[in-house]
Amino acid sequence: MRNLLFIAASVAGSAVSQIFLKYSTAYKPFATRWILFILLSILSSTVGFGANFILFKEEEMSKISPILTAAVMVVVVVASIFLFNEKMTMRKGVGVGFAVVAVVLLAR
């Protein structure tokens, strides 16, 4: 159960970091909001990195790394649709589906 918390922190930290980075692209480099989103991205990434460190210490890397990668991908794809009005194509849907299947197979 403890590792579930670290998995959530890792996925959230990595995904939120990418989302903040995407938000930063709406501003000119070194503008106040650009700096804010870059710093938030770095902070989020640091949280994810710390959780990864603990997970890699306690779990098999061959099991946990693909699970984290797939989970981050699913969160980022869903967030991009709702936050940035990106389109969900059949190809993206199939890719997300394969990622979910991979997580289920690896988690057992």
PDB file of N, CA and C in Angstrom:
ATOM      1  N   MET A   1       0.825  -1.201   0.000  1.00  0.00           N
ATOM      2  CA  MET A   1       0.000   0.000   0.000  1.00  0.00           C
ATOM      3  C   MET A   1       0.862   1.256   0.000  1.00  0.00           C
ATOM      4  N   ARG A   2       1.972   1.196   0.718  1.00  0.00           N
ATOM      5  CA  ARG A   2       2.877   2.347   0.772  1.00  0.00           C
ATOM      6  C   ARG A   2       3.421   2.668  -0.617  1.00  0.00           C
ATOM      7  N   ASN A   3       3.745   1.602  -1.369  1.00  0.00           N
ATOM      8  CA  ASN A   3       4.280   1.820  -2.705  1.00  0.00           C
ATOM      9  C   ASN A   3       3.249   2.444  -3.634  1.00  0.00           C
ATOM     10  N   LEU A   4       1.973   2.185  -3.380  1.00  0.00           N
ATOM     11  CA  LEU A   4       0.920   2.794  -4.186  1.00  0.00           C
ATOM     12  C   LEU A   4       0.959   4.315  -4.065  1.00  0.00           C
ATOM     13  N   LEU A   5       1.247   4.810  -2.876  1.00  0.00           N
ATOM     14  CA  LEU A   5       1.382   6.250  -2.661  1.00  0.00           C
ATOM     15  C   LEU A   5       2.561   6.804  -3.455  1.00  0.00           C
ATOM     16  N   PHE A   6       3.678   6.081  -3.458  1.00  0.00           N
ATOM     17  CA  PHE A   6       4.846   6.533  -4.210  1.00  0.00           C
ATOM     18  C   PHE A   6       4.618   6.430  -5.715  1.00  0.00           C
ATOM     19  N   ILE A   7       3.862   5.424  -6.146  1.00  0.00           N
ATOM     20  CA  ILE A   7       3.513   5.325  -7.566  1.00  0.00           C
ATOM     21  C   ILE A   7       2.676   6.534  -7.968  1.00  0.00           C
ATOM     22  N   ALA A   8       1.688   6.873  -7.154  1.00  0.00           N
ATOM     23  CA  ALA A   8       0.838   8.037  -7.436  1.00  0.00           C
ATOM     24  C   ALA A   8       1.664   9.320  -7.457  1.00  0.00           C
ATOM     25  N   ALA A   9       2.589   9.470  -6.509  1.00  0.00           N
ATOM     26  CA  ALA A   9       3.427  10.665  -6.465  1.00  0.00           C
ATOM     27  C   ALA A   9       4.339  10.739  -7.681  1.00  0.00           C
ATOM     28  N   SER A  10       4.865   9.608  -8.086  1.00  0.00           N
ATOM     29  CA  SER A  10       5.738   9.567  -9.252  1.00  0.00           C
ATOM     30  C   SER A  10       4.986   9.951 -10.522  1.00  0.00           C
ATOM     31  N   VAL A  11       3.833   9.327 -10.720  1.00  0.00           N
ATOM     32  CA  VAL A  11       3.033   9.600 -11.917  1.00  0.00           C
ATOM     33  C   VAL A  11       2.559  11.050 -11.918  1.00  0.00           C
ATOM     34  N   ALA A  12       2.028  11.508 -10.790  1.00  0.00           N
ATOM     35  CA  ALA A  12       1.543  12.886 -10.706  1.00  0.00           C
ATOM     36  C   ALA A  12       2.683  13.879 -10.924  1.00  0.00           C
ATOM     37  N   GLY A  13       3.812  13.645 -10.272  1.00  0.00           N
ATOM     38  CA  GLY A  13       4.946  14.562 -10.426  1.00  0.00           C
ATOM     39  C   GLY A  13       5.420  14.649 -11.859  1.00  0.00           C
ATOM     40  N   SER A  14       5.562  13.518 -12.506  1.00  0.00           N
ATOM     41  CA  SER A  14       6.037  13.499 -13.897  1.00  0.00           C
ATOM     42  C   SER A  14       5.017  14.110 -14.853  1.00  0.00           C
ATOM     43  N   ALA A  15       3.752  13.741 -14.697  1.00  0.00           N
ATOM     44  CA  ALA A  15       2.713  14.255 -15.592  1.00  0.00           C
ATOM     45  C   ALA A  15       2.493  15.753 -15.403  1.00  0.00           C
ATOM     46  N   VAL A  16       2.404  16.185 -14.158  1.00  0.00           N
ATOM     47  CA  VAL A  16       2.182  17.609 -13.879  1.00  0.00           C
ATOM     48  C   VAL A  16       3.371  18.436 -14.367  1.00  0.00           C
ATOM     49  N   SER A  17       4.558  17.885 -14.247  1.00  0.00           N
ATOM     50  CA  SER A  17       5.743  18.573 -14.755  1.00  0.00           C
ATOM     51  C   SER A  17       5.619  18.837 -16.254  1.00  0.00           C
ATOM     52  N   GLN A  18       5.177  17.846 -17.002  1.00  0.00           N
ATOM     53  CA  GLN A  18       5.008  18.018 -18.446  1.00  0.00           C
ATOM     54  C   GLN A  18       3.898  19.013 -18.766  1.00  0.00           C
ATOM     55  N   ILE A  19       2.836  18.993 -17.969  1.00  0.00           N
ATOM     56  CA  ILE A  19       1.726  19.924 -18.191  1.00  0.00           C
ATOM     57  C   ILE A  19       2.181  21.360 -17.934  1.00  0.00           C
ATOM     58  N   PHE A  20       2.911  21.597 -16.849  1.00  0.00           N
ATOM     59  CA  PHE A  20       3.436  22.939 -16.580  1.00  0.00           C
ATOM     60  C   PHE A  20       4.395  23.387 -17.681  1.00  0.00           C
ATOM     61  N   LEU A  21       5.189  22.462 -18.173  1.00  0.00           N
ATOM     62  CA  LEU A  21       6.113  22.793 -19.252  1.00  0.00           C
ATOM     63  C   LEU A  21       5.338  23.221 -20.501  1.00  0.00           C
ATOM     64  N   LYS A  22       4.254  22.514 -20.802  1.00  0.00           N
ATOM     65  CA  LYS A  22       3.406  22.889 -21.936  1.00  0.00           C
ATOM     66  C   LYS A  22       2.811  24.280 -21.727  1.00  0.00           C
ATOM     67  N   TYR A  23       2.319  24.568 -20.511  1.00  0.00           N
ATOM     68  CA  TYR A  23       1.783  25.897 -20.221  1.00  0.00           C
ATOM     69  C   TYR A  23       2.843  26.974 -20.421  1.00  0.00           C
ATOM     70  N   SER A  24       4.080  26.679 -20.099  1.00  0.00           N
ATOM     71  CA  SER A  24       5.150  27.685 -20.215  1.00  0.00           C
ATOM     72  C   SER A  24       5.373  28.119 -21.659  1.00  0.00           C
ATOM     73  N   THR A  25       5.025  27.245 -22.618  1.00  0.00           N
ATOM     74  CA  THR A  25       5.266  27.588 -24.020  1.00  0.00           C
ATOM     75  C   THR A  25       4.355  28.699 -24.535  1.00  0.00           C
ATOM     76  N   ALA A  26       3.348  29.061 -23.759  1.00  0.00           N
ATOM     77  CA  ALA A  26       2.446  30.145 -24.155  1.00  0.00           C
ATOM     78  C   ALA A  26       3.054  31.527 -23.877  1.00  0.00           C
ATOM     79  N   TYR A  27       4.196  31.565 -23.206  1.00  0.00           N
ATOM     80  CA  TYR A  27       4.811  32.830 -22.813  1.00  0.00           C
ATOM     81  C   TYR A  27       6.218  32.946 -23.394  1.00  0.00           C
ATOM     82  N   LYS A  28       6.664  34.161 -23.530  1.00  0.00           N
ATOM     83  CA  LYS A  28       8.017  34.398 -24.014  1.00  0.00           C
ATOM     84  C   LYS A  28       9.010  33.940 -22.951  1.00  0.00           C
ATOM     85  N   PRO A  29      10.129  33.354 -23.388  1.00  0.00           N
ATOM     86  CA  PRO A  29      11.141  32.929 -22.413  1.00  0.00           C
ATOM     87  C   PRO A  29      11.559  34.079 -21.500  1.00  0.00           C
ATOM     88  N   PHE A  30      11.651  33.755 -20.231  1.00  0.00           N
ATOM     89  CA  PHE A  30      12.066  34.661 -19.156  1.00  0.00           C
ATOM     90  C   PHE A  30      11.013  35.678 -18.752  1.00  0.00           C
ATOM     91  N   ALA A  31       9.807  35.596 -19.319  1.00  0.00           N
ATOM     92  CA  ALA A  31       8.699  36.404 -18.821  1.00  0.00           C
ATOM     93  C   ALA A  31       8.312  35.835 -17.451  1.00  0.00           C
ATOM     94  N   THR A  32       7.661  36.617 -16.639  1.00  0.00           N
ATOM     95  CA  THR A  32       7.332  36.205 -15.272  1.00  0.00           C
ATOM     96  C   THR A  32       6.547  34.891 -15.243  1.00  0.00           C
ATOM     97  N   ARG A  33       5.527  34.778 -16.060  1.00  0.00           N
ATOM     98  CA  ARG A  33       4.718  33.544 -16.061  1.00  0.00           C
ATOM     99  C   ARG A  33       5.505  32.359 -16.619  1.00  0.00           C
ATOM    100  N   TRP A  34       6.354  32.610 -17.594  1.00  0.00           N
ATOM    101  CA  TRP A  34       7.211  31.544 -18.125  1.00  0.00           C
ATOM    102  C   TRP A  34       8.088  30.996 -17.010  1.00  0.00           C
ATOM    103  N   ILE A  35       8.707  31.891 -16.250  1.00  0.00           N
ATOM    104  CA  ILE A  35       9.566  31.476 -15.134  1.00  0.00           C
ATOM    105  C   ILE A  35       8.756  30.697 -14.106  1.00  0.00           C
ATOM    106  N   LEU A  36       7.554  31.184 -13.787  1.00  0.00           N
ATOM    107  CA  LEU A  36       6.690  30.498 -12.818  1.00  0.00           C
ATOM    108  C   LEU A  36       6.389  29.069 -13.260  1.00  0.00           C
ATOM    109  N   PHE A  37       5.978  28.895 -14.513  1.00  0.00           N
ATOM    110  CA  PHE A  37       5.642  27.550 -14.988  1.00  0.00           C
ATOM    111  C   PHE A  37       6.877  26.655 -15.082  1.00  0.00           C
ATOM    112  N   ILE A  38       8.008  27.209 -15.428  1.00  0.00           N
ATOM    113  CA  ILE A  38       9.248  26.423 -15.466  1.00  0.00           C
ATOM    114  C   ILE A  38       9.614  25.962 -14.053  1.00  0.00           C
ATOM    115  N   LEU A  39       9.511  26.853 -13.087  1.00  0.00           N
ATOM    116  CA  LEU A  39       9.829  26.485 -11.699  1.00  0.00           C
ATOM    117  C   LEU A  39       8.849  25.444 -11.165  1.00  0.00           C
ATOM    118  N   LEU A  40       7.574  25.587 -11.480  1.00  0.00           N
ATOM    119  CA  LEU A  40       6.579  24.591 -11.064  1.00  0.00           C
ATOM    120  C   LEU A  40       6.858  23.241 -11.730  1.00  0.00           C
ATOM    121  N   SER A  41       7.292  23.292 -12.979  1.00  0.00           N
ATOM    122  CA  SER A  41       7.645  22.060 -13.680  1.00  0.00           C
ATOM    123  C   SER A  41       8.834  21.372 -13.007  1.00  0.00           C
ATOM    124  N   ILE A  42       9.835  22.147 -12.654  1.00  0.00           N
ATOM    125  CA  ILE A  42      11.021  21.598 -11.973  1.00  0.00           C
ATOM    126  C   ILE A  42      10.627  21.006 -10.621  1.00  0.00           C
ATOM    127  N   LEU A  43       9.794  21.713  -9.871  1.00  0.00           N
ATOM    128  CA  LEU A  43       9.349  21.225  -8.568  1.00  0.00           C
ATOM    129  C   LEU A  43       8.569  19.917  -8.713  1.00  0.00           C
ATOM    130  N   SER A  44       7.647  19.872  -9.659  1.00  0.00           N
ATOM    131  CA  SER A  44       6.865  18.658  -9.889  1.00  0.00           C
ATOM    132  C   SER A  44       7.754  17.494 -10.302  1.00  0.00           C
ATOM    133  N   SER A  45       8.698  17.780 -11.160  1.00  0.00           N
ATOM    134  CA  SER A  45       9.622  16.751 -11.621  1.00  0.00           C
ATOM    135  C   SER A  45      10.463  16.216 -10.462  1.00  0.00           C
ATOM    136  N   THR A  46      10.841  17.087  -9.559  1.00  0.00           N
ATOM    137  CA  THR A  46      11.628  16.687  -8.386  1.00  0.00           C
ATOM    138  C   THR A  46      10.827  15.751  -7.485  1.00  0.00           C
ATOM    139  N   VAL A  47       9.550  16.040  -7.311  1.00  0.00           N
ATOM    140  CA  VAL A  47       8.680  15.154  -6.522  1.00  0.00           C
ATOM    141  C   VAL A  47       8.618  13.776  -7.182  1.00  0.00           C
ATOM    142  N   GLY A  48       8.408  13.758  -8.489  1.00  0.00           N
ATOM    143  CA  GLY A  48       8.368  12.492  -9.217  1.00  0.00           C
ATOM    144  C   GLY A  48       9.680  11.736  -9.133  1.00  0.00           C
ATOM    145  N   PHE A  49      10.784  12.461  -9.243  1.00  0.00           N
ATOM    146  CA  PHE A  49      12.108  11.837  -9.157  1.00  0.00           C
ATOM    147  C   PHE A  49      12.325  11.221  -7.784  1.00  0.00           C
ATOM    148  N   GLY A  50      11.944  11.937  -6.734  1.00  0.00           N
ATOM    149  CA  GLY A  50      12.091  11.405  -5.378  1.00  0.00           C
ATOM    150  C   GLY A  50      11.281  10.137  -5.166  1.00  0.00           C
ATOM    151  N   ALA A  51      10.056  10.138  -5.679  1.00  0.00           N
ATOM    152  CA  ALA A  51       9.217   8.936  -5.571  1.00  0.00           C
ATOM    153  C   ALA A  51       9.826   7.786  -6.372  1.00  0.00           C
ATOM    154  N   ASN A  52      10.359   8.096  -7.552  1.00  0.00           N
ATOM    155  CA  ASN A  52      11.023   7.058  -8.357  1.00  0.00           C
ATOM    156  C   ASN A  52      12.202   6.452  -7.604  1.00  0.00           C
ATOM    157  N   PHE A  53      12.962   7.283  -6.951  1.00  0.00           N
ATOM    158  CA  PHE A  53      14.134   6.822  -6.197  1.00  0.00           C
ATOM    159  C   PHE A  53      13.711   5.767  -5.163  1.00  0.00           C
ATOM    160  N   ILE A  54      12.661   6.061  -4.433  1.00  0.00           N
ATOM    161  CA  ILE A  54      12.177   5.136  -3.402  1.00  0.00           C
ATOM    162  C   ILE A  54      11.615   3.860  -4.043  1.00  0.00           C
ATOM    163  N   LEU A  55      10.846   4.031  -5.116  1.00  0.00           N
ATOM    164  CA  LEU A  55      10.261   2.861  -5.787  1.00  0.00           C
ATOM    165  C   LEU A  55      11.332   1.945  -6.369  1.00  0.00           C
ATOM    166  N   PHE A  56      12.354   2.524  -6.991  1.00  0.00           N
ATOM    167  CA  PHE A  56      13.411   1.703  -7.576  1.00  0.00           C
ATOM    168  C   PHE A  56      14.220   0.982  -6.510  1.00  0.00           C
ATOM    169  N   LYS A  57      14.233   1.543  -5.331  1.00  0.00           N
ATOM    170  CA  LYS A  57      14.933   0.895  -4.218  1.00  0.00           C
ATOM    171  C   LYS A  57      14.149  -0.322  -3.716  1.00  0.00           C
ATOM    172  N   GLU A  58      12.825  -0.236  -3.746  1.00  0.00           N
ATOM    173  CA  GLU A  58      11.980  -1.265  -3.139  1.00  0.00           C
ATOM    174  C   GLU A  58      11.348  -2.245  -4.125  1.00  0.00           C
ATOM    175  N   GLU A  59      11.337  -1.936  -5.403  1.00  0.00           N
ATOM    176  CA  GLU A  59      10.662  -2.768  -6.399  1.00  0.00           C
ATOM    177  C   GLU A  59      11.618  -3.162  -7.518  1.00  0.00           C
ATOM    178  N   GLU A  60      11.227  -4.173  -8.278  1.00  0.00           N
ATOM    179  CA  GLU A  60      11.993  -4.552  -9.452  1.00  0.00           C
ATOM    180  C   GLU A  60      11.827  -3.470 -10.519  1.00  0.00           C
ATOM    181  N   MET A  61      12.950  -2.988 -11.033  1.00  0.00           N
ATOM    182  CA  MET A  61      12.902  -1.933 -12.037  1.00  0.00           C
ATOM    183  C   MET A  61      12.187  -2.404 -13.295  1.00  0.00           C
ATOM    184  N   SER A  62      12.363  -3.669 -13.659  1.00  0.00           N
ATOM    185  CA  SER A  62      11.727  -4.193 -14.869  1.00  0.00           C
ATOM    186  C   SER A  62      10.210  -4.223 -14.751  1.00  0.00           C
ATOM    187  N   LYS A  63       9.703  -4.171 -13.530  1.00  0.00           N
ATOM    188  CA  LYS A  63       8.264  -4.166 -13.302  1.00  0.00           C
ATOM    189  C   LYS A  63       7.739  -2.737 -13.146  1.00  0.00           C
ATOM    190  N   ILE A  64       8.408  -1.945 -12.337  1.00  0.00           N
ATOM    191  CA  ILE A  64       7.874  -0.637 -11.959  1.00  0.00           C
ATOM    192  C   ILE A  64       8.085   0.426 -13.040  1.00  0.00           C
ATOM    193  N   SER A  65       9.198   0.393 -13.731  1.00  0.00           N
ATOM    194  CA  SER A  65       9.480   1.429 -14.726  1.00  0.00           C
ATOM    195  C   SER A  65       8.470   1.442 -15.869  1.00  0.00           C
ATOM    196  N   PRO A  66       8.146   0.299 -16.475  1.00  0.00           N
ATOM    197  CA  PRO A  66       7.119   0.339 -17.529  1.00  0.00           C
ATOM    198  C   PRO A  66       5.744   0.762 -17.012  1.00  0.00           C
ATOM    199  N   ILE A  67       5.419   0.369 -15.798  1.00  0.00           N
ATOM    200  CA  ILE A  67       4.138   0.770 -15.211  1.00  0.00           C
ATOM    201  C   ILE A  67       4.076   2.285 -15.061  1.00  0.00           C
ATOM    202  N   LEU A  68       5.145   2.882 -14.530  1.00  0.00           N
ATOM    203  CA  LEU A  68       5.180   4.337 -14.360  1.00  0.00           C
ATOM    204  C   LEU A  68       5.119   5.046 -15.703  1.00  0.00           C
ATOM    205  N   THR A  69       5.887   4.564 -16.654  1.00  0.00           N
ATOM    206  CA  THR A  69       5.923   5.192 -17.972  1.00  0.00           C
ATOM    207  C   THR A  69       4.551   5.164 -18.635  1.00  0.00           C
ATOM    208  N   ALA A  70       3.896   4.015 -18.600  1.00  0.00           N
ATOM    209  CA  ALA A  70       2.569   3.895 -19.210  1.00  0.00           C
ATOM    210  C   ALA A  70       1.547   4.761 -18.482  1.00  0.00           C
ATOM    211  N   ALA A  71       1.615   4.780 -17.167  1.00  0.00           N
ATOM    212  CA  ALA A  71       0.651   5.574 -16.389  1.00  0.00           C
ATOM    213  C   ALA A  71       0.824   7.067 -16.679  1.00  0.00           C
ATOM    214  N   VAL A  72       2.066   7.533 -16.752  1.00  0.00           N
ATOM    215  CA  VAL A  72       2.313   8.943 -17.078  1.00  0.00           C
ATOM    216  C   VAL A  72       1.770   9.256 -18.467  1.00  0.00           C
ATOM    217  N   MET A  73       1.992   8.351 -19.412  1.00  0.00           N
ATOM    218  CA  MET A  73       1.507   8.574 -20.771  1.00  0.00           C
ATOM    219  C   MET A  73      -0.011   8.712 -20.800  1.00  0.00           C
ATOM    220  N   VAL A  74      -0.706   7.838 -20.096  1.00  0.00           N
ATOM    221  CA  VAL A  74      -2.170   7.899 -20.062  1.00  0.00           C
ATOM    222  C   VAL A  74      -2.633   9.221 -19.452  1.00  0.00           C
ATOM    223  N   VAL A  75      -2.038   9.620 -18.336  1.00  0.00           N
ATOM    224  CA  VAL A  75      -2.427  10.873 -17.677  1.00  0.00           C
ATOM    225  C   VAL A  75      -2.160  12.072 -18.586  1.00  0.00           C
ATOM    226  N   VAL A  76      -1.012  12.096 -19.241  1.00  0.00           N
ATOM    227  CA  VAL A  76      -0.667  13.222 -20.109  1.00  0.00           C
ATOM    228  C   VAL A  76      -1.594  13.283 -21.319  1.00  0.00           C
ATOM    229  N   VAL A  77      -1.915  12.146 -21.917  1.00  0.00           N
ATOM    230  CA  VAL A  77      -2.822  12.148 -23.075  1.00  0.00           C
ATOM    231  C   VAL A  77      -4.202  12.660 -22.665  1.00  0.00           C
ATOM    232  N   VAL A  78      -4.718  12.167 -21.549  1.00  0.00           N
ATOM    233  CA  VAL A  78      -6.039  12.613 -21.085  1.00  0.00           C
ATOM    234  C   VAL A  78      -6.008  14.100 -20.734  1.00  0.00           C
ATOM    235  N   ALA A  79      -4.966  14.536 -20.040  1.00  0.00           N
ATOM    236  CA  ALA A  79      -4.847  15.949 -19.677  1.00  0.00           C
ATOM    237  C   ALA A  79      -4.742  16.832 -20.914  1.00  0.00           C
ATOM    238  N   SER A  80      -4.022  16.379 -21.929  1.00  0.00           N
ATOM    239  CA  SER A  80      -3.870  17.195 -23.140  1.00  0.00           C
ATOM    240  C   SER A  80      -5.200  17.391 -23.856  1.00  0.00           C
ATOM    241  N   ILE A  81      -6.062  16.401 -23.764  1.00  0.00           N
ATOM    242  CA  ILE A  81      -7.381  16.516 -24.388  1.00  0.00           C
ATOM    243  C   ILE A  81      -8.228  17.552 -23.652  1.00  0.00           C
ATOM    244  N   PHE A  82      -8.225  17.493 -22.327  1.00  0.00           N
ATOM    245  CA  PHE A  82      -9.078  18.390 -21.543  1.00  0.00           C
ATOM    246  C   PHE A  82      -8.474  19.775 -21.324  1.00  0.00           C
ATOM    247  N   LEU A  83      -7.170  19.860 -21.149  1.00  0.00           N
ATOM    248  CA  LEU A  83      -6.547  21.151 -20.841  1.00  0.00           C
ATOM    249  C   LEU A  83      -6.119  21.941 -22.074  1.00  0.00           C
ATOM    250  N   PHE A  84      -5.745  21.230 -23.138  1.00  0.00           N
ATOM    251  CA  PHE A  84      -5.196  21.907 -24.310  1.00  0.00           C
ATOM    252  C   PHE A  84      -6.024  21.672 -25.575  1.00  0.00           C
ATOM    253  N   ASN A  85      -7.195  21.069 -25.402  1.00  0.00           N
ATOM    254  CA  ASN A  85      -8.122  20.808 -26.516  1.00  0.00           C
ATOM    255  C   ASN A  85      -7.470  20.037 -27.665  1.00  0.00           C
ATOM    256  N   GLU A  86      -6.567  19.141 -27.327  1.00  0.00           N
ATOM    257  CA  GLU A  86      -5.967  18.299 -28.348  1.00  0.00           C
ATOM    258  C   GLU A  86      -6.959  17.194 -28.705  1.00  0.00           C
ATOM    259  N   LYS A  87      -6.853  16.701 -29.910  1.00  0.00           N
ATOM    260  CA  LYS A  87      -7.812  15.704 -30.381  1.00  0.00           C
ATOM    261  C   LYS A  87      -7.376  14.300 -29.999  1.00  0.00           C
ATOM    262  N   MET A  88      -8.374  13.491 -29.643  1.00  0.00           N
ATOM    263  CA  MET A  88      -8.138  12.069 -29.382  1.00  0.00           C
ATOM    264  C   MET A  88      -8.442  11.329 -30.670  1.00  0.00           C
ATOM    265  N   THR A  89      -7.415  10.787 -31.273  1.00  0.00           N
ATOM    266  CA  THR A  89      -7.592  10.034 -32.509  1.00  0.00           C
ATOM    267  C   THR A  89      -7.706   8.548 -32.188  1.00  0.00           C
ATOM    268  N   MET A  90      -8.123   7.801 -33.165  1.00  0.00           N
ATOM    269  CA  MET A  90      -8.204   6.351 -33.003  1.00  0.00           C
ATOM    270  C   MET A  90      -6.818   5.792 -32.680  1.00  0.00           C
ATOM    271  N   ARG A  91      -5.826   6.309 -33.345  1.00  0.00           N
ATOM    272  CA  ARG A  91      -4.451   5.840 -33.125  1.00  0.00           C
ATOM    273  C   ARG A  91      -4.003   6.095 -31.682  1.00  0.00           C
ATOM    274  N   LYS A  92      -4.295   7.297 -31.161  1.00  0.00           N
ATOM    275  CA  LYS A  92      -3.957   7.603 -29.765  1.00  0.00           C
ATOM    276  C   LYS A  92      -4.725   6.679 -28.823  1.00  0.00           C
ATOM    277  N   GLY A  93      -5.993   6.462 -29.117  1.00  0.00           N
ATOM    278  CA  GLY A  93      -6.815   5.593 -28.279  1.00  0.00           C
ATOM    279  C   GLY A  93      -6.276   4.172 -28.227  1.00  0.00           C
ATOM    280  N   VAL A  94      -5.866   3.660 -29.378  1.00  0.00           N
ATOM    281  CA  VAL A  94      -5.291   2.315 -29.423  1.00  0.00           C
ATOM    282  C   VAL A  94      -3.983   2.281 -28.634  1.00  0.00           C
ATOM    283  N   GLY A  95      -3.168   3.320 -28.785  1.00  0.00           N
ATOM    284  CA  GLY A  95      -1.915   3.393 -28.042  1.00  0.00           C
ATOM    285  C   GLY A  95      -2.130   3.410 -26.540  1.00  0.00           C
ATOM    286  N   VAL A  96      -3.092   4.197 -26.082  1.00  0.00           N
ATOM    287  CA  VAL A  96      -3.423   4.241 -24.656  1.00  0.00           C
ATOM    288  C   VAL A  96      -3.940   2.880 -24.202  1.00  0.00           C
ATOM    289  N   GLY A  97      -4.759   2.255 -25.032  1.00  0.00           N
ATOM    290  CA  GLY A  97      -5.272   0.917 -24.702  1.00  0.00           C
ATOM    291  C   GLY A  97      -4.151  -0.097 -24.535  1.00  0.00           C
ATOM    292  N   PHE A  98      -3.187  -0.080 -25.451  1.00  0.00           N
ATOM    293  CA  PHE A  98      -2.039  -0.983 -25.336  1.00  0.00           C
ATOM    294  C   PHE A  98      -1.241  -0.702 -24.060  1.00  0.00           C
ATOM    295  N   ALA A  99      -1.118   0.574 -23.708  1.00  0.00           N
ATOM    296  CA  ALA A  99      -0.396   0.929 -22.481  1.00  0.00           C
ATOM    297  C   ALA A  99      -1.100   0.361 -21.254  1.00  0.00           C
ATOM    298  N   VAL A 100      -2.409   0.455 -21.233  1.00  0.00           N
ATOM    299  CA  VAL A 100      -3.176  -0.081 -20.105  1.00  0.00           C
ATOM    300  C   VAL A 100      -3.019  -1.600 -20.034  1.00  0.00           C
ATOM    301  N   VAL A 101      -3.087  -2.269 -21.180  1.00  0.00           N
ATOM    302  CA  VAL A 101      -2.902  -3.722 -21.210  1.00  0.00           C
ATOM    303  C   VAL A 101      -1.499  -4.073 -20.696  1.00  0.00           C
ATOM    304  N   ALA A 102      -0.489  -3.312 -21.122  1.00  0.00           N
ATOM    305  CA  ALA A 102       0.883  -3.569 -20.670  1.00  0.00           C
ATOM    306  C   ALA A 102       0.998  -3.423 -19.149  1.00  0.00           C
ATOM    307  N   VAL A 103       0.363  -2.416 -18.592  1.00  0.00           N
ATOM    308  CA  VAL A 103       0.415  -2.206 -17.137  1.00  0.00           C
ATOM    309  C   VAL A 103      -0.222  -3.393 -16.419  1.00  0.00           C
ATOM    310  N   VAL A 104      -1.374  -3.846 -16.911  1.00  0.00           N
ATOM    311  CA  VAL A 104      -2.061  -4.968 -16.284  1.00  0.00           C
ATOM    312  C   VAL A 104      -1.187  -6.227 -16.335  1.00  0.00           C
ATOM    313  N   LEU A 105      -0.574  -6.471 -17.475  1.00  0.00           N
ATOM    314  CA  LEU A 105       0.274  -7.662 -17.609  1.00  0.00           C
ATOM    315  C   LEU A 105       1.511  -7.587 -16.732  1.00  0.00           C
ATOM    316  N   LEU A 106       2.112  -6.415 -16.640  1.00  0.00           N
ATOM    317  CA  LEU A 106       3.337  -6.264 -15.849  1.00  0.00           C
ATOM    318  C   LEU A 106       3.070  -6.245 -14.344  1.00  0.00           C
ATOM    319  N   ALA A 107       1.908  -5.783 -13.964  1.00  0.00           N
ATOM    320  CA  ALA A 107       1.603  -5.644 -12.537  1.00  0.00           C
ATOM    321  C   ALA A 107       1.326  -6.981 -11.853  1.00  0.00           C
ATOM    322  N   ARG A 108       1.096  -8.019 -12.624  1.00  0.00           N
ATOM    323  CA  ARG A 108       0.756  -9.315 -12.040  1.00  0.00           C
ATOM    324  C   ARG A 108       1.980 -10.115 -11.729  1.00  0.00           C
TER     325      ARG A 108
END
